[in-house]
Amino acid sequence: MNSVRIVVTNSHGDNRGDEAAQRSLVRMLRRVAPDAELTVLTAWPAGLDLGEGVRVRRTFAAIDRAFPFVHLPFIVVWMLLRRGGVPMRWLARLYPAVEAMEELARADVVISAPGGPYIGDLYRRHEIGEHLLHLFIAKWFGKPVMIYGPSMGPFRVRRRNALRRWILRRVQIITLRDPISAAYLDELRIAGPVVEVTADSAFQCPVEVDPARVDRILAEMNLLDPDDPRPLVGFTPAGARWNFKQDRAAAARQDQYIRIMAEALDRMVESYDCRVIIFPQLYGRNSDLPLIESIAACCRRREHLRILPASLDSDVQQAIMQRLEIMVGNRYHSVVFALKARVPTVCIAYEHKSVGVMNEAGLGDYVLDVTTMSRDELVATIDRLWRRRDAVRRTMDPAVRRLEEKALRNAHAVRALLDAMSGGDLSPATLREHMAGGGKTP
C-alpha cells in the first residue's frame, strides 16, 4: 500500500530534540511507504524543517488562553456537518483551523507523533483540548490511528482516565519509547490496541553530516586546534517550566539551579582541563539561549565555554556530539543524542522519560533527580563518570545497539498497520501477526 495519505499530528517544534525524532519518523515513513503523501500538523510550522515533500501545517486546539471558549463550538459544528457530507469551504473562510482539521478527515491513516509525555498528567493544559482531541477526531472519521513511540503518563488524575481509556482503546497500535510509560499505560487497563515498548524515534536513523563541516564549525569556535588537544565536554540545561513545573517556588529554585550548573561547569574545567560546549535545544519563541547566557554569566571560567550557534540543526548537533568525551544533559533528547554517539552521559532528569532511556542504556547510576539534586551530588556523579568514562563507553555500546534495534520497531509497526489496511482487517490479532513477521528493519 504505497499511495497513501499519512497525517502526523501532535507534533512539537522549536525544539532540536523533537525535530530529530520527527526527522527520523519521516525518513522511516519514506522507506515504509515511498509514495505516501505526508502532512504534519504542528503549533510551530515555520520552525520545523522535515525535508522536501512534507507539508507542514499549523495545528489547532479546542481551548487556548486568549479565547478559552471560542474554538470548541466551531470544531463541533465542523465535525457534525463534515461527517454529514455538508461542504465546509464557507467555514474555512471564517475559521482557518478548518484546513488542519480537514487533513485529519481526508487522511488514510493518522500517526500521533513521537514526543511527550503529551498524554498524561504532566501537561494537562494541552492534553484533552489538543492531543486527545486530534485522536478523537481521527476516530470520529473512522481513520486507523497509531501512536508512534512517545512517553505517556502518569495517570493519577482519575477524573481524566475514563476519557483517556475511551480514546486510547480505539487506537490500532501504540508504541512507547520507555518501559516506565508502558507501566503507566498498563495501569489504565486498556483492551484493544496492540502495545509494544520500543525506543525513541531519534535512535532509528544515523545522522549523515560531512565530518569536514563539523571540523569547520569547531574551528570557528576555536575548538579545533592541534596545539590545544584539551577534551570537549557537552552540556544542556533546562528551564523552570520543565525542571520545577509543579513547584510554587519555581523561580527561586531556578536561581539556585543556575548557580549549581555554573559551579559544576567551573569544576569540570578546573578538574579535567577541558572545554565545554553548550548545546541550545530550544529555538524560536521558546529559545533557551537566555538561560544558557545566565549560567555562563555566573561561571568564573567563562572563557572555556562555547555556546553552539542556535541555528545548527539536530543532525549537526548529533555529529558534533560524536567529538565529546562526556555529556551532562538536562534536556531529554540531548541525552539521546549523546547515547547514539556512545558518549558517556550524566542525565539530570526532570521526567520519567529520561530515567527510562538511561536505564535502558545501562547508565541508571548516572541519573540525578533535578528536584532533589545538590551541587555536591552533581559534581560527585560527574567525577565518577569522568574517571570511568572509557569503561562506560565500552559497556554502553551493546545496550545502545539494542535501543537502536528497538527503535526500528516503530517504523515496522507502521508497515504492519499499512499491510493490515491493505488486507481490510485491522483486528488486533491481524496486527500482531503482521508485527511479528518481517523482522526488525523496514
Protein backbone atom coordinates (compact mmCIF):
# COMPACT_ATOMS: atom_id res chain seq x y z
CA MET A 1 0.00 0.00 0.00
CA ASN A 2 2.16 2.84 -1.28
CA SER A 3 -0.26 5.53 -2.46
CA VAL A 4 -1.49 6.56 0.96
CA ARG A 5 -2.20 9.86 2.68
CA ILE A 6 -0.47 9.90 6.09
CA VAL A 7 -1.13 12.71 8.55
CA VAL A 8 1.18 13.12 11.55
CA THR A 9 -0.43 15.07 14.37
CA ASN A 10 0.54 16.13 17.90
CA SER A 11 3.88 17.31 16.53
CA HIS A 12 6.14 19.61 18.52
CA GLY A 13 8.56 22.12 17.05
CA ASP A 14 11.05 24.83 18.02
CA ASN A 15 12.98 22.03 19.71
CA ARG A 16 16.02 20.21 18.29
CA GLY A 17 15.06 17.02 20.09
CA ASP A 18 11.55 16.78 18.67
CA GLU A 19 12.99 17.84 15.31
CA ALA A 20 15.34 14.84 15.39
CA ALA A 21 12.61 12.40 16.42
CA GLN A 22 10.30 13.63 13.67
CA ARG A 23 13.02 13.66 11.02
CA SER A 24 13.67 10.02 11.83
CA LEU A 25 9.93 9.35 11.65
CA VAL A 26 9.72 10.96 8.19
CA ARG A 27 12.83 9.14 6.93
CA MET A 28 11.43 5.81 8.03
CA LEU A 29 8.00 6.56 6.55
CA ARG A 30 9.77 7.20 3.24
CA ARG A 31 11.18 3.68 3.46
CA VAL A 32 7.91 2.07 4.52
CA ALA A 33 5.67 3.95 2.07
CA PRO A 34 7.87 5.68 -0.55
CA ASP A 35 4.96 7.24 -2.46
CA ALA A 36 2.96 8.37 0.56
CA GLU A 37 1.70 11.93 0.85
CA LEU A 38 2.97 13.22 4.21
CA THR A 39 1.40 16.07 6.19
CA VAL A 40 2.48 17.17 9.67
CA LEU A 41 0.30 19.26 12.00
CA THR A 42 2.29 21.33 14.48
CA ALA A 43 1.97 24.51 16.52
CA TRP A 44 5.30 25.75 15.10
CA PRO A 45 5.19 25.20 11.32
CA ALA A 46 7.78 27.86 10.48
CA GLY A 47 10.36 26.31 12.78
CA LEU A 48 10.05 22.67 11.72
CA ASP A 49 12.18 21.53 8.78
CA LEU A 50 11.37 17.94 7.86
CA GLY A 51 12.74 17.94 4.33
CA GLU A 52 11.27 18.10 0.87
CA GLY A 53 7.87 16.66 0.13
CA VAL A 54 6.47 17.07 3.65
CA ARG A 55 3.62 19.52 4.10
CA VAL A 56 3.78 21.21 7.49
CA ARG A 57 0.57 22.91 8.62
CA ARG A 58 -0.41 24.84 11.72
CA THR A 59 -2.36 22.68 14.14
CA PHE A 60 -5.42 23.59 16.20
CA ALA A 61 -6.73 23.22 19.74
CA ALA A 62 -10.16 23.49 21.32
CA ILE A 63 -9.04 25.81 24.11
CA ASP A 64 -6.38 28.48 24.42
CA ARG A 65 -5.60 31.17 26.96
CA ALA A 66 -6.71 34.13 24.84
CA PHE A 67 -10.07 32.71 23.74
CA PRO A 68 -10.89 29.82 26.09
CA PHE A 69 -14.42 29.11 24.83
CA VAL A 70 -14.38 30.20 21.19
CA HIS A 71 -12.82 27.26 19.36
CA LEU A 72 -14.78 24.27 20.60
CA PRO A 73 -18.16 25.26 19.04
CA PHE A 74 -16.52 25.70 15.61
CA ILE A 75 -14.83 22.32 15.92
CA VAL A 76 -18.04 20.54 16.96
CA VAL A 77 -20.06 22.16 14.15
CA TRP A 78 -17.40 21.20 11.62
CA MET A 79 -17.26 17.60 12.86
CA LEU A 80 -21.03 17.13 12.66
CA LEU A 81 -21.50 18.78 9.29
CA ARG A 82 -18.37 17.29 7.73
CA ARG A 83 -19.39 13.76 8.60
CA GLY A 84 -22.86 14.53 7.26
CA GLY A 85 -21.38 15.42 3.88
CA VAL A 86 -22.04 19.17 4.04
CA PRO A 87 -19.46 21.26 2.08
CA MET A 88 -17.26 23.12 4.56
CA ARG A 89 -15.46 25.72 2.44
CA TRP A 90 -17.54 28.52 3.95
CA LEU A 91 -16.42 27.58 7.50
CA ALA A 92 -12.78 27.53 6.40
CA ARG A 93 -13.10 31.22 5.49
CA LEU A 94 -14.44 32.01 8.96
CA TYR A 95 -12.17 29.64 10.86
CA PRO A 96 -8.75 28.96 9.28
CA ALA A 97 -8.06 25.97 11.57
CA VAL A 98 -10.52 24.02 9.40
CA GLU A 99 -7.64 23.44 6.96
CA ALA A 100 -5.78 21.38 9.56
CA MET A 101 -8.97 19.64 10.65
CA GLU A 102 -9.63 18.72 7.02
CA GLU A 103 -6.25 17.00 6.89
CA LEU A 104 -7.42 14.60 9.61
CA ALA A 105 -10.71 13.99 7.80
CA ARG A 106 -9.01 13.25 4.47
CA ALA A 107 -6.20 11.08 5.86
CA ASP A 108 -5.91 7.38 5.13
CA VAL A 109 -4.02 6.87 8.37
CA VAL A 110 -3.22 9.17 11.30
CA ILE A 111 0.01 8.92 13.31
CA SER A 112 0.44 10.65 16.65
CA ALA A 113 4.00 11.97 16.69
CA PRO A 114 6.87 10.91 18.95
CA GLY A 115 7.42 13.18 21.93
CA GLY A 116 5.61 13.75 25.16
CA PRO A 117 4.52 12.68 27.62
CA TYR A 118 1.70 14.65 25.98
CA ILE A 119 -0.90 12.13 27.17
CA GLY A 120 -0.81 12.08 30.97
CA ASP A 121 -0.86 14.34 33.98
CA LEU A 122 2.32 16.34 33.34
CA TYR A 123 0.95 18.63 30.61
CA ARG A 124 -2.77 18.60 31.33
CA ARG A 125 -3.44 22.01 29.79
CA HIS A 126 -2.89 20.63 26.29
CA GLU A 127 -3.85 17.00 26.73
CA ILE A 128 -7.63 16.98 26.24
CA GLY A 129 -8.14 20.12 24.17
CA GLU A 130 -5.44 19.25 21.64
CA HIS A 131 -3.72 15.86 21.79
CA LEU A 132 -6.62 13.61 22.72
CA LEU A 133 -8.98 15.76 20.65
CA HIS A 134 -6.98 15.06 17.50
CA LEU A 135 -7.12 11.32 18.14
CA PHE A 136 -10.86 11.58 18.80
CA ILE A 137 -11.44 13.44 15.53
CA ALA A 138 -9.44 10.84 13.62
CA LYS A 139 -11.56 8.05 15.09
CA TRP A 140 -14.76 10.10 14.52
CA PHE A 141 -13.98 9.84 10.82
CA GLY A 142 -13.04 6.18 11.05
CA LYS A 143 -9.29 6.57 10.50
CA PRO A 144 -6.74 3.96 11.56
CA VAL A 145 -4.53 5.52 14.23
CA MET A 146 -1.07 4.67 15.51
CA ILE A 147 0.64 6.40 18.44
CA TYR A 148 4.30 6.44 17.42
CA GLY A 149 6.76 5.99 20.26
CA PRO A 150 6.06 8.80 22.74
CA SER A 151 6.24 8.71 26.51
CA MET A 152 2.97 8.58 28.46
CA GLY A 153 1.70 9.07 31.98
CA PRO A 154 1.47 9.23 34.83
CA PHE A 155 -2.33 8.84 35.08
CA ARG A 156 -3.04 9.80 38.68
CA VAL A 157 -5.78 12.36 37.90
CA ARG A 158 -8.54 9.78 37.89
CA ARG A 159 -11.32 12.01 36.60
CA ARG A 160 -9.48 12.13 33.26
CA ASN A 161 -8.87 8.42 32.99
CA ALA A 162 -12.30 7.48 31.65
CA LEU A 163 -11.77 9.75 28.63
CA ARG A 164 -8.20 8.52 28.18
CA ARG A 165 -9.38 4.91 28.18
CA TRP A 166 -12.27 5.62 25.82
CA ILE A 167 -9.98 7.16 23.20
CA LEU A 168 -6.86 5.01 23.60
CA ARG A 169 -8.70 1.69 23.39
CA ARG A 170 -9.91 2.70 19.91
CA VAL A 171 -6.36 3.22 18.61
CA GLN A 172 -4.90 0.41 16.50
CA ILE A 173 -1.25 0.44 17.65
CA ILE A 174 0.59 2.16 20.50
CA THR A 175 4.37 2.04 20.68
CA LEU A 176 6.07 3.58 23.70
CA ARG A 177 9.69 4.65 23.97
CA ASP A 178 10.33 3.56 27.57
CA PRO A 179 9.22 0.81 29.96
CA ILE A 180 8.11 3.33 32.60
CA SER A 181 5.50 4.73 30.20
CA ALA A 182 4.38 1.18 29.42
CA ALA A 183 3.88 0.53 33.14
CA TYR A 184 1.78 3.68 33.42
CA LEU A 185 -0.33 2.62 30.45
CA ASP A 186 -0.83 -0.82 32.00
CA GLU A 187 -2.43 0.91 34.98
CA LEU A 188 -5.21 2.16 32.69
CA ARG A 189 -6.01 -1.45 31.74
CA ILE A 190 -6.80 -0.66 28.13
CA ALA A 191 -8.00 -3.55 25.99
CA GLY A 192 -7.89 -3.09 22.24
CA PRO A 193 -4.72 -1.65 20.77
CA VAL A 194 -1.55 -3.58 20.13
CA VAL A 195 1.04 -2.15 22.55
CA GLU A 196 4.81 -2.56 22.26
CA VAL A 197 7.75 -0.98 24.08
CA THR A 198 10.22 0.31 21.50
CA ALA A 199 12.70 3.19 21.88
CA ASP A 200 12.89 6.85 20.94
CA SER A 201 12.35 7.60 17.26
CA ALA A 202 15.64 9.52 17.07
CA PHE A 203 17.54 6.26 17.60
CA GLN A 204 16.29 4.93 14.25
CA CYS A 205 18.49 6.84 11.82
CA PRO A 206 22.22 7.59 11.98
CA VAL A 207 23.00 11.17 11.05
CA GLU A 208 24.89 11.89 7.86
CA VAL A 209 26.90 15.09 8.23
CA ASP A 210 30.17 15.73 6.41
CA PRO A 211 32.99 15.50 9.01
CA ALA A 212 34.68 18.41 7.25
CA ARG A 213 31.66 20.56 8.10
CA VAL A 214 31.97 19.59 11.75
CA ASP A 215 35.66 20.49 11.64
CA ARG A 216 34.82 23.91 10.20
CA ILE A 217 32.24 24.59 12.90
CA LEU A 218 34.62 23.59 15.68
CA ALA A 219 37.42 25.64 14.11
CA GLU A 220 35.16 28.71 14.00
CA MET A 221 34.52 28.20 17.71
CA ASN A 222 38.28 27.87 18.38
CA LEU A 223 37.80 24.26 19.41
CA LEU A 224 39.84 22.58 16.69
CA ASP A 225 43.48 23.37 17.37
CA PRO A 226 46.22 20.71 17.09
CA ASP A 227 48.22 22.66 19.65
CA ASP A 228 45.34 22.55 22.16
CA PRO A 229 44.14 18.93 22.47
CA ARG A 230 42.01 19.51 25.57
CA PRO A 231 38.94 17.25 25.70
CA LEU A 232 35.45 18.51 24.95
CA VAL A 233 32.55 18.12 27.36
CA GLY A 234 28.92 18.74 26.36
CA PHE A 235 26.20 20.37 28.45
CA THR A 236 22.49 21.23 28.10
CA PRO A 237 20.34 22.98 30.71
CA ALA A 238 16.55 23.12 31.03
CA GLY A 239 14.22 25.85 32.22
CA ALA A 240 11.96 26.03 35.26
CA ARG A 241 8.85 25.13 33.25
CA TRP A 242 10.33 21.65 32.88
CA ASN A 243 12.51 21.24 35.96
CA PHE A 244 10.19 22.75 38.55
CA LYS A 245 6.77 22.85 36.89
CA GLN A 246 4.94 21.57 39.99
CA ASP A 247 6.84 23.84 42.42
CA ARG A 248 5.31 27.10 43.66
CA ALA A 249 8.82 28.38 44.34
CA ALA A 250 9.95 27.62 40.78
CA ALA A 251 11.68 30.98 40.24
CA ALA A 252 13.78 30.65 43.39
CA ARG A 253 14.56 27.02 42.59
CA GLN A 254 15.70 28.02 39.11
CA ASP A 255 18.02 30.69 40.50
CA GLN A 256 19.60 28.03 42.71
CA TYR A 257 19.79 25.69 39.72
CA ILE A 258 21.67 28.29 37.67
CA ARG A 259 24.26 28.66 40.43
CA ILE A 260 24.66 24.88 40.73
CA MET A 261 25.14 24.47 36.99
CA ALA A 262 27.71 27.28 36.85
CA GLU A 263 29.68 25.80 39.74
CA ALA A 264 29.63 22.36 38.11
CA LEU A 265 30.91 23.76 34.81
CA ASP A 266 33.71 25.62 36.57
CA ARG A 267 34.63 22.46 38.46
CA MET A 268 34.82 20.42 35.23
CA VAL A 269 37.06 22.99 33.54
CA GLU A 270 39.39 23.13 36.53
CA SER A 271 39.48 19.39 37.30
CA TYR A 272 39.60 17.93 33.80
CA ASP A 273 41.36 20.72 31.89
CA CYS A 274 38.53 20.56 29.37
CA ARG A 275 36.44 22.92 27.31
CA VAL A 276 32.65 22.89 27.48
CA ILE A 277 30.25 23.09 24.53
CA ILE A 278 26.73 24.16 25.49
CA PHE A 279 24.09 22.88 23.05
CA PRO A 280 20.96 25.03 22.67
CA GLN A 281 17.97 22.73 22.31
CA LEU A 282 15.12 25.24 22.03
CA TYR A 283 14.79 27.93 19.40
CA GLY A 284 12.17 30.37 18.21
CA ARG A 285 9.88 31.89 20.81
CA ASN A 286 10.94 29.37 23.48
CA SER A 287 14.68 29.80 22.94
CA ASP A 288 16.86 28.56 25.79
CA LEU A 289 19.69 30.98 24.95
CA PRO A 290 18.70 33.41 27.76
CA LEU A 291 19.00 30.55 30.27
CA ILE A 292 22.33 29.46 28.79
CA GLU A 293 23.68 33.01 28.96
CA SER A 294 22.54 33.29 32.59
CA ILE A 295 24.51 30.19 33.51
CA ALA A 296 27.56 31.27 31.52
CA ALA A 297 27.49 34.70 33.18
CA CYS A 298 27.80 33.03 36.59
CA CYS A 299 30.85 30.97 35.57
CA ARG A 300 34.29 32.06 36.73
CA ARG A 301 35.88 30.17 33.82
CA ARG A 302 33.63 31.64 31.16
CA GLU A 303 36.47 31.77 28.62
CA HIS A 304 36.50 27.96 28.49
CA LEU A 305 32.83 27.71 27.48
CA ARG A 306 31.47 27.77 23.94
CA ILE A 307 27.80 28.12 23.06
CA LEU A 308 26.90 26.30 19.87
CA PRO A 309 25.08 28.51 17.33
CA ALA A 310 21.35 28.01 17.83
CA SER A 311 20.84 27.85 14.06
CA LEU A 312 22.58 24.46 13.79
CA ASP A 313 20.01 21.72 13.34
CA SER A 314 19.64 18.42 15.16
CA ASP A 315 21.69 16.47 12.60
CA VAL A 316 24.67 18.79 13.09
CA GLN A 317 24.29 18.75 16.87
CA GLN A 318 24.45 14.95 16.86
CA ALA A 319 27.53 14.97 14.62
CA ILE A 320 29.31 17.39 16.96
CA MET A 321 28.42 15.29 19.99
CA GLN A 322 30.42 12.45 18.48
CA ARG A 323 33.53 14.50 19.34
CA LEU A 324 32.73 14.73 23.07
CA GLU A 325 34.48 13.00 25.96
CA ILE A 326 31.41 13.06 28.23
CA MET A 327 27.97 14.72 28.24
CA VAL A 328 26.00 16.33 31.07
CA GLY A 329 22.42 16.63 29.83
CA ASN A 330 19.32 18.09 31.41
CA ARG A 331 17.27 18.05 28.16
CA TYR A 332 15.99 14.58 27.29
CA HIS A 333 16.94 14.48 23.63
CA SER A 334 20.41 15.84 24.29
CA VAL A 335 20.86 12.65 26.31
CA VAL A 336 19.52 10.58 23.40
CA PHE A 337 21.94 12.34 21.02
CA ALA A 338 24.87 11.56 23.31
CA LEU A 339 23.85 7.93 23.77
CA LYS A 340 23.59 7.48 20.00
CA ALA A 341 27.15 8.78 19.77
CA ARG A 342 28.29 6.36 22.51
CA VAL A 343 29.27 9.29 24.72
CA PRO A 344 29.21 8.55 28.49
CA THR A 345 26.47 10.71 29.97
CA VAL A 346 25.23 12.15 33.23
CA CYS A 347 21.50 12.82 33.00
CA ILE A 348 19.75 15.45 35.11
CA ALA A 349 16.20 14.10 34.86
CA TYR A 350 13.02 16.16 35.05
CA GLU A 351 10.62 13.45 33.77
CA HIS A 352 10.44 9.66 33.70
CA LYS A 353 11.35 9.54 30.01
CA SER A 354 14.95 10.50 30.90
CA VAL A 355 15.16 7.88 33.63
CA GLY A 356 13.78 5.28 31.24
CA VAL A 357 16.27 5.83 28.44
CA MET A 358 19.24 5.96 30.81
CA ASN A 359 18.18 2.70 32.46
CA GLU A 360 17.81 1.09 29.03
CA ALA A 361 21.32 2.28 28.11
CA GLY A 362 22.77 0.77 31.29
CA LEU A 363 23.56 4.19 32.77
CA GLY A 364 20.97 4.32 35.54
CA ASP A 365 23.71 5.00 38.11
CA TYR A 366 24.37 8.35 36.42
CA VAL A 367 20.83 9.78 36.68
CA LEU A 368 20.06 12.63 39.06
CA ASP A 369 16.62 13.96 40.02
CA VAL A 370 16.69 17.69 39.30
CA THR A 371 14.19 18.41 42.09
CA THR A 372 16.45 16.97 44.82
CA MET A 373 19.94 17.26 43.33
CA SER A 374 22.62 19.16 45.25
CA ARG A 375 25.78 20.69 43.86
CA ASP A 376 27.94 18.15 45.66
CA GLU A 377 25.88 15.24 44.31
CA LEU A 378 26.12 16.57 40.75
CA VAL A 379 29.87 17.18 40.96
CA ALA A 380 30.50 13.75 42.50
CA THR A 381 28.44 11.98 39.82
CA ILE A 382 30.22 13.79 37.00
CA ASP A 383 33.57 13.00 38.58
CA ARG A 384 32.67 9.31 38.92
CA LEU A 385 31.69 9.17 35.25
CA TRP A 386 34.84 11.01 34.17
CA ARG A 387 37.06 8.51 35.95
CA ARG A 388 35.20 5.53 34.46
CA ARG A 389 34.39 7.02 31.05
CA ASP A 390 36.44 4.58 28.96
CA ALA A 391 34.89 1.55 30.64
CA VAL A 392 31.42 3.09 30.43
CA ARG A 393 31.85 3.76 26.73
CA ARG A 394 32.67 0.10 26.14
CA THR A 395 29.80 -1.29 28.20
CA MET A 396 27.13 1.09 26.88
CA ASP A 397 27.68 0.15 23.22
CA PRO A 398 25.70 -3.13 23.20
CA ALA A 399 22.87 -1.53 25.19
CA VAL A 400 22.61 1.37 22.73
CA ARG A 401 22.64 -1.08 19.83
CA ARG A 402 19.60 -2.75 21.38
CA LEU A 403 17.90 0.64 21.67
CA GLU A 404 18.56 1.31 18.00
CA GLU A 405 17.06 -2.06 17.07
CA LYS A 406 14.02 -1.46 19.27
CA ALA A 407 13.52 2.00 17.78
CA LEU A 408 13.17 0.44 14.32
CA ARG A 409 10.12 -1.39 15.61
CA ASN A 410 8.24 1.93 15.46
CA ALA A 411 8.54 2.01 11.68
CA HIS A 412 7.89 -1.72 11.49
CA ALA A 413 4.59 -1.10 13.30
CA VAL A 414 3.62 1.45 10.62
CA ARG A 415 4.32 -1.13 7.94
CA ALA A 416 2.22 -3.67 9.83
CA LEU A 417 -0.66 -1.18 10.02
CA LEU A 418 -0.47 -0.38 6.30
CA ASP A 419 -0.30 -4.08 5.40
CA ALA A 420 -3.33 -4.81 7.58
CA MET A 421 -5.20 -1.92 5.95
CA SER A 422 -4.46 -3.39 2.52
CA GLY A 423 -5.97 -6.67 3.65
CA GLY A 424 -9.03 -4.97 5.11
CA ASP A 425 -8.55 -6.47 8.57
CA LEU A 426 -7.44 -4.20 11.42
CA SER A 427 -8.18 -6.63 14.22
CA PRO A 428 -5.57 -6.84 17.00
CA ALA A 429 -4.83 -10.44 16.05
CA THR A 430 -4.07 -9.49 12.45
CA LEU A 431 -1.97 -6.51 13.51
CA ARG A 432 0.04 -8.70 15.88
CA GLU A 433 0.57 -11.21 13.10
CA HIS A 434 1.92 -8.51 10.78
CA MET A 435 4.10 -7.06 13.54
CA ALA A 436 5.51 -10.49 14.38
CA GLY A 437 6.67 -11.05 10.80
CA GLY A 438 9.11 -9.19 8.64
CA GLY A 439 11.99 -8.69 11.05
CA LYS A 440 13.23 -5.53 12.71
CA THR A 441 14.26 -3.35 9.79
CA PRO A 442 11.68 -1.88 7.39
